[in-house]
Amino acid sequence: MQLATPLQAHIDEVLSDLRGSDMAELAALGAWDAGKALVACLGASALAWAMLQNGRAAALTGVCPNPDGSGAPWLVGTNAVNAAPLGFMRASRKAVAAYKGIFPKLVNYVEAGQWQNVRYVQALGFTLGPELRIGRGNFYKFYME
């Protein structure tokens, strides 16, 4: 997988095949329109990429600034990330390293019931905090310093 500047076509590709776990997480946060949520995240990001697999967007990722000076990494993916797990992890590690170059601390939340997403942030080296209620779901805070 390669990292590229996200284009509207990439947004459309991701939205057409959004993973169920990402749809559920967005819904738990109250974001019923995934397209609007994704455009907002991209617009607020200090750095963002499309993860391309065979020329198509498999995921979109970025990092938004938090008021405390930390960065909030985010990612939404398609079912294609499951087809290329090693490439997905390599691209994800490159993205996290770049985010750490901008923000000394990375902090965000992952829905506790989405075990693949929880394992993903742990595999990237994030530490999980205690479970807490946010919006309509239970989430773990994840962070890296």
Protein backbone atom coordinates (compact mmCIF):
# COMPACT_ATOMS: atom_id res chain seq x y z
CA MET A 1 0.00 0.00 0.00
CA GLN A 2 1.20 3.49 -0.74
CA LEU A 3 0.35 6.84 0.83
CA ALA A 4 -0.97 9.57 -1.46
CA THR A 5 -2.63 12.95 -1.21
CA PRO A 6 -6.36 12.33 -0.74
CA LEU A 7 -8.57 13.31 -3.66
CA GLN A 8 -12.36 13.43 -4.01
CA ALA A 9 -12.19 10.17 -5.97
CA HIS A 10 -10.51 8.52 -2.96
CA ILE A 11 -13.26 9.76 -0.65
CA ASP A 12 -15.87 8.31 -3.01
CA GLU A 13 -14.01 4.97 -3.18
CA VAL A 14 -13.80 4.68 0.60
CA LEU A 15 -17.43 5.65 1.14
CA SER A 16 -18.60 3.08 -1.42
CA ASP A 17 -17.00 0.22 0.55
CA LEU A 18 -16.72 1.50 4.13
CA ARG A 19 -16.00 -1.28 6.65
CA GLY A 20 -18.86 -2.18 8.94
CA SER A 21 -16.67 -1.52 11.99
CA ASP A 22 -16.02 2.05 10.84
CA MET A 23 -19.71 2.66 10.10
CA ALA A 24 -20.60 1.37 13.57
CA GLU A 25 -17.98 3.56 15.23
CA LEU A 26 -19.16 6.66 13.39
CA ALA A 27 -22.76 5.88 14.35
CA ALA A 28 -21.76 5.41 18.01
CA LEU A 29 -20.26 8.90 17.92
CA GLY A 30 -23.46 10.27 16.43
CA ALA A 31 -22.05 10.85 12.93
CA TRP A 32 -24.90 9.49 10.81
CA ASP A 33 -23.54 10.95 7.57
CA ALA A 34 -20.18 9.26 6.99
CA GLY A 35 -19.43 11.47 3.98
CA LYS A 36 -19.82 14.70 5.95
CA ALA A 37 -17.81 13.29 8.87
CA LEU A 38 -15.00 12.23 6.53
CA VAL A 39 -14.85 15.59 4.73
CA ALA A 40 -14.79 17.36 8.13
CA CYS A 41 -11.93 15.16 9.35
CA LEU A 42 -9.94 15.74 6.18
CA GLY A 43 -10.54 19.49 6.39
CA ALA A 44 -9.40 19.67 10.02
CA SER A 45 -6.33 17.48 9.56
CA ALA A 46 -2.80 18.84 9.82
CA LEU A 47 -1.75 15.92 7.60
CA ALA A 48 -3.87 13.38 5.72
CA TRP A 49 -3.39 10.57 3.22
CA ALA A 50 -5.20 8.08 1.10
CA MET A 51 -3.82 4.55 1.45
CA LEU A 52 -3.85 3.12 -2.05
CA GLN A 53 -3.97 -0.58 -2.95
CA ASN A 54 -3.64 -1.25 -6.68
CA GLY A 55 -4.48 2.39 -7.42
CA ARG A 56 -7.70 2.42 -5.37
CA ALA A 57 -8.23 3.97 -1.96
CA ALA A 58 -8.31 1.25 0.71
CA ALA A 59 -8.38 3.77 3.56
CA LEU A 60 -8.16 7.44 4.44
CA THR A 61 -6.16 8.60 7.44
CA GLY A 62 -5.10 11.83 9.05
CA VAL A 63 -4.28 13.63 12.27
CA CYS A 64 -6.23 16.58 13.66
CA PRO A 65 -4.84 19.03 16.23
CA ASN A 66 -6.36 18.86 19.72
CA PRO A 67 -6.67 22.00 21.87
CA ASP A 68 -4.01 20.66 24.29
CA GLY A 69 -1.39 20.44 21.53
CA SER A 70 -1.69 16.71 20.98
CA GLY A 71 -2.81 15.16 17.70
CA ALA A 72 -5.88 12.99 17.14
CA PRO A 73 -5.07 10.28 14.59
CA TRP A 74 -8.01 8.84 12.67
CA LEU A 75 -8.60 6.28 9.97
CA VAL A 76 -11.54 4.95 8.02
CA GLY A 77 -11.06 1.94 5.80
CA THR A 78 -12.65 -0.27 3.23
CA ASN A 79 -12.82 -4.03 3.16
CA ALA A 80 -9.64 -3.92 1.04
CA VAL A 81 -7.50 -3.41 4.18
CA ASN A 82 -8.32 -6.99 5.18
CA ALA A 83 -7.01 -8.26 1.84
CA ALA A 84 -3.57 -6.68 2.32
CA PRO A 85 -2.90 -6.66 6.09
CA LEU A 86 0.90 -6.38 5.89
CA GLY A 87 0.80 -3.49 3.44
CA PHE A 88 -1.90 -1.84 5.53
CA MET A 89 0.21 -2.08 8.71
CA ARG A 90 3.34 -0.80 6.94
CA ALA A 91 1.46 2.20 5.55
CA SER A 92 -0.17 2.79 8.96
CA ARG A 93 3.21 2.76 10.72
CA LYS A 94 4.57 5.29 8.21
CA ALA A 95 1.56 7.53 8.84
CA VAL A 96 1.89 7.29 12.64
CA ALA A 97 5.61 8.11 12.43
CA ALA A 98 4.78 11.22 10.39
CA TYR A 99 2.06 12.22 12.86
CA LYS A 100 4.55 11.87 15.72
CA GLY A 101 6.86 14.22 13.82
CA ILE A 102 4.17 16.91 14.11
CA PHE A 103 2.61 16.14 17.49
CA PRO A 104 4.60 14.86 20.49
CA LYS A 105 1.51 13.07 21.82
CA LEU A 106 -1.21 11.28 19.86
CA VAL A 107 -4.61 10.71 21.50
CA ASN A 108 -7.98 9.48 20.27
CA TYR A 109 -10.71 6.94 21.03
CA VAL A 110 -11.64 3.56 19.57
CA GLU A 111 -14.99 1.85 20.11
CA ALA A 112 -14.50 -0.92 22.66
CA GLY A 113 -16.74 -3.39 20.82
CA GLN A 114 -14.80 -3.15 17.56
CA TRP A 115 -12.10 -5.69 18.45
CA GLN A 116 -10.31 -5.46 15.07
CA ASN A 117 -9.93 -1.69 15.50
CA VAL A 118 -8.80 -2.12 19.12
CA ARG A 119 -6.17 -4.69 18.08
CA TYR A 120 -5.06 -2.42 15.23
CA VAL A 121 -4.26 0.55 17.50
CA GLN A 122 -2.47 -1.78 19.92
CA ALA A 123 -0.42 -3.30 17.08
CA LEU A 124 0.65 0.23 16.12
CA GLY A 125 2.05 0.73 19.63
CA PHE A 126 -0.70 2.79 21.22
CA THR A 127 -1.55 2.31 24.89
CA LEU A 128 -5.19 1.75 25.81
CA GLY A 129 -6.80 3.66 28.66
CA PRO A 130 -9.89 2.60 30.61
CA GLU A 131 -13.22 2.09 28.89
CA LEU A 132 -15.60 5.06 29.01
CA ARG A 133 -18.93 6.09 27.55
CA ILE A 134 -18.91 8.57 24.65
CA GLY A 135 -22.03 9.33 22.66
CA ARG A 136 -23.87 6.09 22.04
CA GLY A 137 -20.98 3.71 22.66
CA ASN A 138 -18.20 2.56 24.94
CA PHE A 139 -14.72 3.61 23.88
CA TYR A 140 -11.12 3.14 24.90
CA LYS A 141 -8.85 6.16 24.90
CA PHE A 142 -5.67 5.28 23.04
CA TYR A 143 -2.49 7.31 23.21
CA MET A 144 1.20 7.41 22.32
CA GLU A 145 3.86 9.74 23.71
